[in-house]
PDB file of N, CA and C in Angstrom:
ATOM      1  N   MET A   1       8.327 -18.052 -11.132  1.00  0.00           N
ATOM      2  CA  MET A   1       9.425 -17.209 -11.567  1.00  0.00           C
ATOM      3  C   MET A   1       9.436 -17.141 -13.087  1.00  0.00           C
ATOM      4  N   SER A   2       9.594 -15.982 -13.608  1.00  0.00           N
ATOM      5  CA  SER A   2       9.584 -15.765 -15.047  1.00  0.00           C
ATOM      6  C   SER A   2      10.931 -16.121 -15.661  1.00  0.00           C
ATOM      7  N   VAL A   3      10.897 -16.607 -16.890  1.00  0.00           N
ATOM      8  CA  VAL A   3      12.143 -16.868 -17.607  1.00  0.00           C
ATOM      9  C   VAL A   3      12.725 -15.580 -18.168  1.00  0.00           C
ATOM     10  N   PHE A   4      11.919 -14.528 -18.181  1.00  0.00           N
ATOM     11  CA  PHE A   4      12.375 -13.239 -18.689  1.00  0.00           C
ATOM     12  C   PHE A   4      12.892 -12.390 -17.533  1.00  0.00           C
ATOM     13  N   PRO A   5      14.154 -11.968 -17.604  1.00  0.00           N
ATOM     14  CA  PRO A   5      14.690 -11.130 -16.519  1.00  0.00           C
ATOM     15  C   PRO A   5      14.034  -9.752 -16.501  1.00  0.00           C
ATOM     16  N   ILE A   6      13.925  -9.191 -15.312  1.00  0.00           N
ATOM     17  CA  ILE A   6      13.360  -7.851 -15.164  1.00  0.00           C
ATOM     18  C   ILE A   6      14.520  -6.870 -15.108  1.00  0.00           C
ATOM     19  N   SER A   7      14.576  -5.990 -16.075  1.00  0.00           N
ATOM     20  CA  SER A   7      15.685  -5.034 -16.165  1.00  0.00           C
ATOM     21  C   SER A   7      15.551  -3.929 -15.120  1.00  0.00           C
ATOM     22  N   ALA A   8      16.644  -3.225 -14.915  1.00  0.00           N
ATOM     23  CA  ALA A   8      16.639  -2.084 -13.993  1.00  0.00           C
ATOM     24  C   ALA A   8      15.633  -1.037 -14.447  1.00  0.00           C
ATOM     25  N   ALA A   9      15.523  -0.823 -15.744  1.00  0.00           N
ATOM     26  CA  ALA A   9      14.573   0.171 -16.261  1.00  0.00           C
ATOM     27  C   ALA A   9      13.139  -0.229 -15.940  1.00  0.00           C
ATOM     28  N   LEU A  10      12.822  -1.517 -16.044  1.00  0.00           N
ATOM     29  CA  LEU A  10      11.468  -1.966 -15.705  1.00  0.00           C
ATOM     30  C   LEU A  10      11.201  -1.844 -14.214  1.00  0.00           C
ATOM     31  N   LEU A  11      12.190  -2.158 -13.400  1.00  0.00           N
ATOM     32  CA  LEU A  11      12.032  -1.981 -11.954  1.00  0.00           C
ATOM     33  C   LEU A  11      11.795  -0.511 -11.628  1.00  0.00           C
ATOM     34  N   ASP A  12      12.569   0.371 -12.253  1.00  0.00           N
ATOM     35  CA  ASP A  12      12.367   1.814 -12.060  1.00  0.00           C
ATOM     36  C   ASP A  12      10.947   2.205 -12.438  1.00  0.00           C
ATOM     37  N   ALA A  13      10.510   1.735 -13.606  1.00  0.00           N
ATOM     38  CA  ALA A  13       9.179   2.097 -14.095  1.00  0.00           C
ATOM     39  C   ALA A  13       8.092   1.633 -13.132  1.00  0.00           C
ATOM     40  N   MET A  14       8.217   0.418 -12.622  1.00  0.00           N
ATOM     41  CA  MET A  14       7.196  -0.096 -11.707  1.00  0.00           C
ATOM     42  C   MET A  14       7.155   0.701 -10.410  1.00  0.00           C
ATOM     43  N   VAL A  15       8.313   0.992  -9.839  1.00  0.00           N
ATOM     44  CA  VAL A  15       8.355   1.755  -8.586  1.00  0.00           C
ATOM     45  C   VAL A  15       7.809   3.158  -8.809  1.00  0.00           C
ATOM     46  N   LEU A  16       8.215   3.805  -9.882  1.00  0.00           N
ATOM     47  CA  LEU A  16       7.717   5.157 -10.160  1.00  0.00           C
ATOM     48  C   LEU A  16       6.210   5.139 -10.399  1.00  0.00           C
ATOM     49  N   ALA A  17       5.717   4.117 -11.082  1.00  0.00           N
ATOM     50  CA  ALA A  17       4.279   4.019 -11.340  1.00  0.00           C
ATOM     51  C   ALA A  17       3.495   3.830 -10.046  1.00  0.00           C
ATOM     52  N   VAL A  18       4.025   3.030  -9.129  1.00  0.00           N
ATOM     53  CA  VAL A  18       3.341   2.804  -7.848  1.00  0.00           C
ATOM     54  C   VAL A  18       3.247   4.105  -7.053  1.00  0.00           C
ATOM     55  N   THR A  19       4.269   4.940  -7.143  1.00  0.00           N
ATOM     56  CA  THR A  19       4.286   6.188  -6.364  1.00  0.00           C
ATOM     57  C   THR A  19       3.698   7.373  -7.131  1.00  0.00           C
ATOM     58  N   GLU A  20       3.251   7.139  -8.347  1.00  0.00           N
ATOM     59  CA  GLU A  20       2.757   8.239  -9.182  1.00  0.00           C
ATOM     60  C   GLU A  20       1.526   8.929  -8.597  1.00  0.00           C
ATOM     61  N   ASN A  21       0.592   8.171  -8.076  1.00  0.00           N
ATOM     62  CA  ASN A  21      -0.674   8.749  -7.620  1.00  0.00           C
ATOM     63  C   ASN A  21      -0.756   8.987  -6.121  1.00  0.00           C
ATOM     64  N   GLU A  22       0.120   8.334  -5.367  1.00  0.00           N
ATOM     65  CA  GLU A  22       0.135   8.561  -3.921  1.00  0.00           C
ATOM     66  C   GLU A  22       1.494   8.177  -3.351  1.00  0.00           C
ATOM     67  N   ASP A  23       1.894   8.891  -2.325  1.00  0.00           N
ATOM     68  CA  ASP A  23       3.128   8.559  -1.622  1.00  0.00           C
ATOM     69  C   ASP A  23       2.945   7.182  -0.984  1.00  0.00           C
ATOM     70  N   SER A  24       4.031   6.464  -0.866  1.00  0.00           N
ATOM     71  CA  SER A  24       3.931   5.134  -0.287  1.00  0.00           C
ATOM     72  C   SER A  24       5.230   4.782   0.426  1.00  0.00           C
ATOM     73  N   TYR A  25       5.162   3.800   1.313  1.00  0.00           N
ATOM     74  CA  TYR A  25       6.343   3.361   2.044  1.00  0.00           C
ATOM     75  C   TYR A  25       6.888   2.083   1.404  1.00  0.00           C
ATOM     76  N   GLY A  26       8.155   1.805   1.685  1.00  0.00           N
ATOM     77  CA  GLY A  26       8.869   0.735   1.008  1.00  0.00           C
ATOM     78  C   GLY A  26       8.180  -0.614   1.026  1.00  0.00           C
ATOM     79  N   TYR A  27       7.694  -1.039   2.181  1.00  0.00           N
ATOM     80  CA  TYR A  27       7.053  -2.347   2.283  1.00  0.00           C
ATOM     81  C   TYR A  27       5.807  -2.415   1.401  1.00  0.00           C
ATOM     82  N   LYS A  28       5.004  -1.350   1.396  1.00  0.00           N
ATOM     83  CA  LYS A  28       3.786  -1.338   0.576  1.00  0.00           C
ATOM     84  C   LYS A  28       4.129  -1.317  -0.909  1.00  0.00           C
ATOM     85  N   ILE A  29       5.139  -0.544  -1.291  1.00  0.00           N
ATOM     86  CA  ILE A  29       5.574  -0.519  -2.693  1.00  0.00           C
ATOM     87  C   ILE A  29       5.974  -1.932  -3.117  1.00  0.00           C
ATOM     88  N   THR A  30       6.742  -2.589  -2.268  1.00  0.00           N
ATOM     89  CA  THR A  30       7.180  -3.953  -2.561  1.00  0.00           C
ATOM     90  C   THR A  30       5.989  -4.884  -2.716  1.00  0.00           C
ATOM     91  N   LYS A  31       5.047  -4.831  -1.795  1.00  0.00           N
ATOM     92  CA  LYS A  31       3.875  -5.709  -1.853  1.00  0.00           C
ATOM     93  C   LYS A  31       3.011  -5.409  -3.077  1.00  0.00           C
ATOM     94  N   ASP A  32       2.841  -4.135  -3.417  1.00  0.00           N
ATOM     95  CA  ASP A  32       2.056  -3.776  -4.604  1.00  0.00           C
ATOM     96  C   ASP A  32       2.673  -4.379  -5.864  1.00  0.00           C
ATOM     97  N   ILE A  33       3.985  -4.316  -5.966  1.00  0.00           N
ATOM     98  CA  ILE A  33       4.665  -4.869  -7.141  1.00  0.00           C
ATOM     99  C   ILE A  33       4.624  -6.395  -7.109  1.00  0.00           C
ATOM    100  N   GLN A  34       4.831  -6.985  -5.932  1.00  0.00           N
ATOM    101  CA  GLN A  34       4.831  -8.442  -5.818  1.00  0.00           C
ATOM    102  C   GLN A  34       3.470  -9.063  -6.111  1.00  0.00           C
ATOM    103  N   GLU A  35       2.395  -8.282  -6.044  1.00  0.00           N
ATOM    104  CA  GLU A  35       1.072  -8.804  -6.404  1.00  0.00           C
ATOM    105  C   GLU A  35       1.022  -9.203  -7.874  1.00  0.00           C
ATOM    106  N   LYS A  36       1.851  -8.561  -8.701  1.00  0.00           N
ATOM    107  CA  LYS A  36       1.817  -8.808 -10.145  1.00  0.00           C
ATOM    108  C   LYS A  36       3.092  -9.432 -10.698  1.00  0.00           C
ATOM    109  N   VAL A  37       4.222  -9.194 -10.031  1.00  0.00           N
ATOM    110  CA  VAL A  37       5.523  -9.604 -10.564  1.00  0.00           C
ATOM    111  C   VAL A  37       6.323 -10.294  -9.465  1.00  0.00           C
ATOM    112  N   SER A  38       7.017 -11.353  -9.830  1.00  0.00           N
ATOM    113  CA  SER A  38       7.855 -12.061  -8.861  1.00  0.00           C
ATOM    114  C   SER A  38       9.186 -11.329  -8.713  1.00  0.00           C
ATOM    115  N   VAL A  39       9.310 -10.585  -7.618  1.00  0.00           N
ATOM    116  CA  VAL A  39      10.534  -9.835  -7.331  1.00  0.00           C
ATOM    117  C   VAL A  39      10.684  -9.755  -5.812  1.00  0.00           C
ATOM    118  N   SER A  40      11.914  -9.834  -5.340  1.00  0.00           N
ATOM    119  CA  SER A  40      12.142  -9.866  -3.892  1.00  0.00           C
ATOM    120  C   SER A  40      12.295  -8.465  -3.305  1.00  0.00           C
ATOM    121  N   GLU A  41      12.053  -8.378  -2.002  1.00  0.00           N
ATOM    122  CA  GLU A  41      12.274  -7.113  -1.297  1.00  0.00           C
ATOM    123  C   GLU A  41      13.718  -6.672  -1.438  1.00  0.00           C
ATOM    124  N   SER A  42      14.637  -7.635  -1.385  1.00  0.00           N
ATOM    125  CA  SER A  42      16.058  -7.292  -1.470  1.00  0.00           C
ATOM    126  C   SER A  42      16.424  -6.720  -2.833  1.00  0.00           C
ATOM    127  N   THR A  43      15.585  -6.931  -3.817  1.00  0.00           N
ATOM    128  CA  THR A  43      15.792  -6.326  -5.138  1.00  0.00           C
ATOM    129  C   THR A  43      15.252  -4.904  -5.162  1.00  0.00           C
ATOM    130  N   LEU A  44      14.118  -4.672  -4.524  1.00  0.00           N
ATOM    131  CA  LEU A  44      13.441  -3.379  -4.646  1.00  0.00           C
ATOM    132  C   LEU A  44      14.012  -2.282  -3.762  1.00  0.00           C
ATOM    133  N   TYR A  45      14.512  -2.606  -2.592  1.00  0.00           N
ATOM    134  CA  TYR A  45      15.033  -1.541  -1.726  1.00  0.00           C
ATOM    135  C   TYR A  45      16.225  -0.807  -2.344  1.00  0.00           C
ATOM    136  N   PRO A  46      17.151  -1.493  -3.013  1.00  0.00           N
ATOM    137  CA  PRO A  46      18.208  -0.746  -3.715  1.00  0.00           C
ATOM    138  C   PRO A  46      17.664   0.137  -4.847  1.00  0.00           C
ATOM    139  N   VAL A  47      16.578  -0.299  -5.474  1.00  0.00           N
ATOM    140  CA  VAL A  47      15.945   0.516  -6.522  1.00  0.00           C
ATOM    141  C   VAL A  47      15.407   1.805  -5.906  1.00  0.00           C
ATOM    142  N   LEU A  48      14.755   1.696  -4.763  1.00  0.00           N
ATOM    143  CA  LEU A  48      14.243   2.886  -4.071  1.00  0.00           C
ATOM    144  C   LEU A  48      15.378   3.848  -3.731  1.00  0.00           C
ATOM    145  N   ARG A  49      16.471   3.314  -3.213  1.00  0.00           N
ATOM    146  CA  ARG A  49      17.614   4.176  -2.856  1.00  0.00           C
ATOM    147  C   ARG A  49      18.219   4.844  -4.093  1.00  0.00           C
ATOM    148  N   ARG A  50      18.336   4.081  -5.183  1.00  0.00           N
ATOM    149  CA  ARG A  50      18.911   4.642  -6.407  1.00  0.00           C
ATOM    150  C   ARG A  50      18.014   5.732  -6.985  1.00  0.00           C
ATOM    151  N   LEU A  51      16.713   5.488  -7.001  1.00  0.00           N
ATOM    152  CA  LEU A  51      15.782   6.495  -7.516  1.00  0.00           C
ATOM    153  C   LEU A  51      15.820   7.756  -6.658  1.00  0.00           C
ATOM    154  N   GLN A  52      15.971   7.576  -5.359  1.00  0.00           N
ATOM    155  CA  GLN A  52      16.101   8.735  -4.468  1.00  0.00           C
ATOM    156  C   GLN A  52      17.402   9.483  -4.771  1.00  0.00           C
ATOM    157  N   LYS A  53      18.489   8.751  -4.870  1.00  0.00           N
ATOM    158  CA  LYS A  53      19.796   9.356  -5.138  1.00  0.00           C
ATOM    159  C   LYS A  53      19.794  10.124  -6.463  1.00  0.00           C
ATOM    160  N   ASN A  54      19.070   9.600  -7.454  1.00  0.00           N
ATOM    161  CA  ASN A  54      19.011  10.224  -8.774  1.00  0.00           C
ATOM    162  C   ASN A  54      17.947  11.314  -8.881  1.00  0.00           C
ATOM    163  N   GLY A  55      17.303  11.644  -7.761  1.00  0.00           N
ATOM    164  CA  GLY A  55      16.349  12.746  -7.739  1.00  0.00           C
ATOM    165  C   GLY A  55      14.975  12.427  -8.289  1.00  0.00           C
ATOM    166  N   MET A  56      14.651  11.147  -8.431  1.00  0.00           N
ATOM    167  CA  MET A  56      13.346  10.766  -8.964  1.00  0.00           C
ATOM    168  C   MET A  56      12.320  10.498  -7.873  1.00  0.00           C
ATOM    169  N   LEU A  57      12.812  10.258  -6.673  1.00  0.00           N
ATOM    170  CA  LEU A  57      11.947  10.085  -5.505  1.00  0.00           C
ATOM    171  C   LEU A  57      12.457  10.967  -4.378  1.00  0.00           C
ATOM    172  N   GLU A  58      11.524  11.520  -3.616  1.00  0.00           N
ATOM    173  CA  GLU A  58      11.844  12.223  -2.371  1.00  0.00           C
ATOM    174  C   GLU A  58      11.443  11.312  -1.227  1.00  0.00           C
ATOM    175  N   VAL A  59      12.114  11.467  -0.108  1.00  0.00           N
ATOM    176  CA  VAL A  59      11.846  10.630   1.055  1.00  0.00           C
ATOM    177  C   VAL A  59      11.496  11.511   2.242  1.00  0.00           C
ATOM    178  N   TYR A  60      10.517  11.070   3.008  1.00  0.00           N
ATOM    179  CA  TYR A  60      10.202  11.728   4.277  1.00  0.00           C
ATOM    180  C   TYR A  60       9.709  10.665   5.246  1.00  0.00           C
ATOM    181  N   ASP A  61       9.845  10.944   6.524  1.00  0.00           N
ATOM    182  CA  ASP A  61       9.423  10.009   7.568  1.00  0.00           C
ATOM    183  C   ASP A  61       8.154  10.518   8.243  1.00  0.00           C
ATOM    184  N   MET A  62       7.279   9.575   8.584  1.00  0.00           N
ATOM    185  CA  MET A  62       6.046   9.872   9.312  1.00  0.00           C
ATOM    186  C   MET A  62       5.938   8.885  10.469  1.00  0.00           C
ATOM    187  N   PRO A  63       5.500   9.376  11.638  1.00  0.00           N
ATOM    188  CA  PRO A  63       5.331   8.455  12.766  1.00  0.00           C
ATOM    189  C   PRO A  63       4.230   7.432  12.484  1.00  0.00           C
ATOM    190  N   TYR A  64       4.491   6.197  12.880  1.00  0.00           N
ATOM    191  CA  TYR A  64       3.517   5.129  12.724  1.00  0.00           C
ATOM    192  C   TYR A  64       3.728   4.122  13.853  1.00  0.00           C
ATOM    193  N   LEU A  65       2.740   3.971  14.707  1.00  0.00           N
ATOM    194  CA  LEU A  65       2.786   3.031  15.831  1.00  0.00           C
ATOM    195  C   LEU A  65       4.068   3.160  16.651  1.00  0.00           C
ATOM    196  N   GLY A  66       4.416   4.400  16.971  1.00  0.00           N
ATOM    197  CA  GLY A  66       5.556   4.647  17.835  1.00  0.00           C
ATOM    198  C   GLY A  66       6.918   4.641  17.163  1.00  0.00           C
ATOM    199  N   ARG A  67       6.938   4.495  15.854  1.00  0.00           N
ATOM    200  CA  ARG A  67       8.213   4.554  15.133  1.00  0.00           C
ATOM    201  C   ARG A  67       8.008   5.294  13.820  1.00  0.00           C
ATOM    202  N   ASN A  68       9.072   5.577  13.139  1.00  0.00           N
ATOM    203  CA  ASN A  68       8.961   6.291  11.871  1.00  0.00           C
ATOM    204  C   ASN A  68       8.840   5.323  10.705  1.00  0.00           C
ATOM    205  N   ARG A  69       7.988   5.699   9.771  1.00  0.00           N
ATOM    206  CA  ARG A  69       7.837   4.943   8.535  1.00  0.00           C
ATOM    207  C   ARG A  69       8.327   5.850   7.411  1.00  0.00           C
ATOM    208  N   ARG A  70       9.203   5.335   6.570  1.00  0.00           N
ATOM    209  CA  ARG A  70       9.791   6.117   5.477  1.00  0.00           C
ATOM    210  C   ARG A  70       8.892   6.057   4.243  1.00  0.00           C
ATOM    211  N   TYR A  71       8.454   7.234   3.806  1.00  0.00           N
ATOM    212  CA  TYR A  71       7.598   7.349   2.631  1.00  0.00           C
ATOM    213  C   TYR A  71       8.385   7.869   1.441  1.00  0.00           C
ATOM    214  N   TYR A  72       7.932   7.457   0.264  1.00  0.00           N
ATOM    215  CA  TYR A  72       8.554   7.878  -0.991  1.00  0.00           C
ATOM    216  C   TYR A  72       7.523   8.637  -1.815  1.00  0.00           C
ATOM    217  N   ARG A  73       7.970   9.757  -2.374  1.00  0.00           N
ATOM    218  CA  ARG A  73       7.120  10.614  -3.205  1.00  0.00           C
ATOM    219  C   ARG A  73       7.844  10.831  -4.537  1.00  0.00           C
ATOM    220  N   ILE A  74       7.125  10.657  -5.620  1.00  0.00           N
ATOM    221  CA  ILE A  74       7.720  10.879  -6.937  1.00  0.00           C
ATOM    222  C   ILE A  74       7.952  12.379  -7.144  1.00  0.00           C
ATOM    223  N   THR A  75       9.065  12.731  -7.757  1.00  0.00           N
ATOM    224  CA  THR A  75       9.392  14.132  -8.050  1.00  0.00           C
ATOM    225  C   THR A  75       9.010  14.446  -9.498  1.00  0.00           C
ATOM    226  N   GLU A  76       9.132  15.707  -9.876  1.00  0.00           N
ATOM    227  CA  GLU A  76       8.885  16.072 -11.277  1.00  0.00           C
ATOM    228  C   GLU A  76       9.844  15.324 -12.195  1.00  0.00           C
ATOM    229  N   CYS A  77      11.091  15.216 -11.774  1.00  0.00           N
ATOM    230  CA  CYS A  77      12.086  14.458 -12.541  1.00  0.00           C
ATOM    231  C   CYS A  77      11.640  12.998 -12.680  1.00  0.00           C
ATOM    232  N   GLY A  78      11.115  12.435 -11.611  1.00  0.00           N
ATOM    233  CA  GLY A  78      10.613  11.066 -11.638  1.00  0.00           C
ATOM    234  C   GLY A  78       9.419  10.913 -12.562  1.00  0.00           C
ATOM    235  N   LYS A  79       8.535  11.908 -12.576  1.00  0.00           N
ATOM    236  CA  LYS A  79       7.376  11.866 -13.474  1.00  0.00           C
ATOM    237  C   LYS A  79       7.817  11.916 -14.928  1.00  0.00           C
ATOM    238  N   GLU A  80       8.810  12.749 -15.213  1.00  0.00           N
ATOM    239  CA  GLU A  80       9.335  12.830 -16.579  1.00  0.00           C
ATOM    240  C   GLU A  80       9.973  11.501 -16.983  1.00  0.00           C
ATOM    241  N   GLN A  81      10.719  10.904 -16.064  1.00  0.00           N
ATOM    242  CA  GLN A  81      11.348   9.614 -16.350  1.00  0.00           C
ATOM    243  C   GLN A  81      10.291   8.538 -16.573  1.00  0.00           C
ATOM    244  N   LEU A  82       9.253   8.528 -15.770  1.00  0.00           N
ATOM    245  CA  LEU A  82       8.176   7.556 -15.928  1.00  0.00           C
ATOM    246  C   LEU A  82       7.499   7.724 -17.278  1.00  0.00           C
ATOM    247  N   TYR A  83       7.274   8.952 -17.697  1.00  0.00           N
ATOM    248  CA  TYR A  83       6.685   9.233 -19.007  1.00  0.00           C
ATOM    249  C   TYR A  83       7.550   8.617 -20.110  1.00  0.00           C
ATOM    250  N   GLU A  84       8.857   8.843 -20.027  1.00  0.00           N
ATOM    251  CA  GLU A  84       9.787   8.291 -21.021  1.00  0.00           C
ATOM    252  C   GLU A  84       9.793   6.766 -20.983  1.00  0.00           C
ATOM    253  N   LEU A  85       9.823   6.200 -19.789  1.00  0.00           N
ATOM    254  CA  LEU A  85       9.839   4.745 -19.664  1.00  0.00           C
ATOM    255  C   LEU A  85       8.563   4.125 -20.213  1.00  0.00           C
ATOM    256  N   ARG A  86       7.436   4.775 -20.021  1.00  0.00           N
ATOM    257  CA  ARG A  86       6.177   4.260 -20.579  1.00  0.00           C
ATOM    258  C   ARG A  86       6.229   4.227 -22.099  1.00  0.00           C
ATOM    259  N   HIS A  87       6.763   5.280 -22.694  1.00  0.00           N
ATOM    260  CA  HIS A  87       6.869   5.308 -24.157  1.00  0.00           C
ATOM    261  C   HIS A  87       7.857   4.260 -24.659  1.00  0.00           C
ATOM    262  N   GLU A  88       8.971   4.117 -23.973  1.00  0.00           N
ATOM    263  CA  GLU A  88       9.951   3.093 -24.351  1.00  0.00           C
ATOM    264  C   GLU A  88       9.328   1.700 -24.242  1.00  0.00           C
ATOM    265  N   TRP A  89       8.581   1.463 -23.157  1.00  0.00           N
ATOM    266  CA  TRP A  89       7.944   0.166 -22.960  1.00  0.00           C
ATOM    267  C   TRP A  89       6.926  -0.107 -24.064  1.00  0.00           C
ATOM    268  N   THR A  90       6.136   0.880 -24.424  1.00  0.00           N
ATOM    269  CA  THR A  90       5.144   0.705 -25.481  1.00  0.00           C
ATOM    270  C   THR A  90       5.822   0.317 -26.788  1.00  0.00           C
ATOM    271  N   ASP A  91       6.879   1.023 -27.139  1.00  0.00           N
ATOM    272  CA  ASP A  91       7.612   0.709 -28.367  1.00  0.00           C
ATOM    273  C   ASP A  91       8.226  -0.689 -28.299  1.00  0.00           C
ATOM    274  N   PHE A  92       8.872  -1.001 -27.187  1.00  0.00           N
ATOM    275  CA  PHE A  92       9.528  -2.292 -27.024  1.00  0.00           C
ATOM    276  C   PHE A  92       8.514  -3.436 -27.081  1.00  0.00           C
ATOM    277  N   SER A  93       7.417  -3.310 -26.353  1.00  0.00           N
ATOM    278  CA  SER A  93       6.431  -4.391 -26.321  1.00  0.00           C
ATOM    279  C   SER A  93       5.764  -4.565 -27.685  1.00  0.00           C
ATOM    280  N   ARG A  94       5.608  -3.495 -28.423  1.00  0.00           N
ATOM    281  CA  ARG A  94       5.057  -3.582 -29.776  1.00  0.00           C
ATOM    282  C   ARG A  94       6.029  -4.352 -30.681  1.00  0.00           C
ATOM    283  N   GLN A  95       7.316  -4.062 -30.566  1.00  0.00           N
ATOM    284  CA  GLN A  95       8.317  -4.751 -31.387  1.00  0.00           C
ATOM    285  C   GLN A  95       8.367  -6.244 -31.070  1.00  0.00           C
ATOM    286  N   ILE A  96       8.400  -6.588 -29.798  1.00  0.00           N
ATOM    287  CA  ILE A  96       8.435  -7.997 -29.406  1.00  0.00           C
ATOM    288  C   ILE A  96       7.105  -8.665 -29.746  1.00  0.00           C
ATOM    289  N   GLY A  97       6.015  -7.941 -29.537  1.00  0.00           N
ATOM    290  CA  GLY A  97       4.691  -8.464 -29.856  1.00  0.00           C
ATOM    291  C   GLY A  97       4.551  -8.865 -31.310  1.00  0.00           C
ATOM    292  N   TYR A  98       5.240  -8.167 -32.180  1.00  0.00           N
ATOM    293  CA  TYR A  98       5.191  -8.513 -33.602  1.00  0.00           C
ATOM    294  C   TYR A  98       5.624  -9.962 -33.799  1.00  0.00           C
ATOM    295  N   PHE A  99       6.714 -10.344 -33.155  1.00  0.00           N
ATOM    296  CA  PHE A  99       7.228 -11.696 -33.332  1.00  0.00           C
ATOM    297  C   PHE A  99       6.422 -12.738 -32.573  1.00  0.00           C
ATOM    298  N   LEU A 100       5.915 -12.375 -31.419  1.00  0.00           N
ATOM    299  CA  LEU A 100       5.206 -13.348 -30.600  1.00  0.00           C
ATOM    300  C   LEU A 100       3.732 -13.482 -30.949  1.00  0.00           C
ATOM    301  N   ASN A 101       3.149 -12.443 -31.546  1.00  0.00           N
ATOM    302  CA  ASN A 101       1.707 -12.455 -31.796  1.00  0.00           C
ATOM    303  C   ASN A 101       1.358 -12.159 -33.244  1.00  0.00           C
ATOM    304  N   GLU A 102       1.582 -10.928 -33.657  1.00  0.00           N
ATOM    305  CA  GLU A 102       1.104 -10.462 -34.953  1.00  0.00           C
ATOM    306  C   GLU A 102       1.666 -11.260 -36.117  1.00  0.00           C
ATOM    307  N   ARG A 103       2.943 -11.579 -36.071  1.00  0.00           N
ATOM    308  CA  ARG A 103       3.575 -12.303 -37.169  1.00  0.00           C
ATOM    309  C   ARG A 103       2.895 -13.657 -37.362  1.00  0.00           C
ATOM    310  N   ASN A 104       2.615 -14.340 -36.267  1.00  0.00           N
ATOM    311  CA  ASN A 104       1.955 -15.641 -36.350  1.00  0.00           C
ATOM    312  C   ASN A 104       0.512 -15.513 -36.800  1.00  0.00           C
ATOM    313  N   GLU A 105      -0.170 -14.451 -36.386  1.00  0.00           N
ATOM    314  CA  GLU A 105      -1.544 -14.230 -36.822  1.00  0.00           C
ATOM    315  C   GLU A 105      -1.587 -14.011 -38.325  1.00  0.00           C
ATOM    316  N   ARG A 106      -0.636 -13.257 -38.847  1.00  0.00           N
ATOM    317  CA  ARG A 106      -0.574 -13.020 -40.296  1.00  0.00           C
ATOM    318  C   ARG A 106      -0.283 -14.320 -41.033  1.00  0.00           C
ATOM    319  N   LYS A 107       0.614 -15.129 -40.491  1.00  0.00           N
ATOM    320  CA  LYS A 107       0.961 -16.404 -41.109  1.00  0.00           C
ATOM    321  C   LYS A 107      -0.264 -17.314 -41.144  1.00  0.00           C
ATOM    322  N   ASP A 108      -1.025 -17.352 -40.037  1.00  0.00           N
ATOM    323  CA  ASP A 108      -2.242 -18.159 -39.981  1.00  0.00           C
ATOM    324  C   ASP A 108      -3.250 -17.693 -41.016  1.00  0.00           C
ATOM    325  N   MET A 109      -3.369 -16.386 -41.203  1.00  0.00           N
ATOM    326  CA  MET A 109      -4.317 -15.838 -42.173  1.00  0.00           C
ATOM    327  C   MET A 109      -3.896 -16.208 -43.594  1.00  0.00           C
ATOM    328  N   GLU A 110      -2.593 -16.236 -43.864  1.00  0.00           N
ATOM    329  CA  GLU A 110      -2.096 -16.564 -45.196  1.00  0.00           C
ATOM    330  C   GLU A 110      -2.314 -18.030 -45.531  1.00  0.00           C
ATOM    331  N   THR A 111      -2.281 -18.906 -44.530  1.00  0.00           N
ATOM    332  CA  THR A 111      -2.444 -20.339 -44.777  1.00  0.00           C
ATOM    333  C   THR A 111      -3.906 -20.771 -44.742  1.00  0.00           C
ATOM    334  N   SER A 112      -4.804 -19.871 -44.375  1.00  0.00           N
ATOM    335  CA  SER A 112      -6.232 -20.233 -44.300  1.00  0.00           C
ATOM    336  C   SER A 112      -6.884 -20.209 -45.650  1.00  0.00           C
TER     337      SER A 112
END
C-alpha cells in the first residue's frame, strides 16, 4: 500500500486511459489497474459510475456465457478530459520531481 493517496482525478485518469484504446468491462478495468496500483474494486466501481454519469464513459451490455457483461467505452468528452488530465499530471509530476530528484541532483553536483 502506498503512503501517497490516490486522488479522484488520478482514478479518473487511469480508468479513462484503460478504456482509451478498447472498450472494456468493469472487472477487467479493475484488474488492469490493480496490476500497477493498489486499489480495491470497491473504489473503482463508483469511479466508473461517476464517469458514466458525467458523460465521459458510455455503457453497453454484451452477452457472455449466458449473462450480460457491462462494457465501458470512452466518449469524446472522456478523451478530452483524459488529454487534460495527462497534461495536469505531467506538470504536477515535474513540480514534485524537482524536489524529489532534480533539486538533490543539483545539490550533489554543487558539492562535488
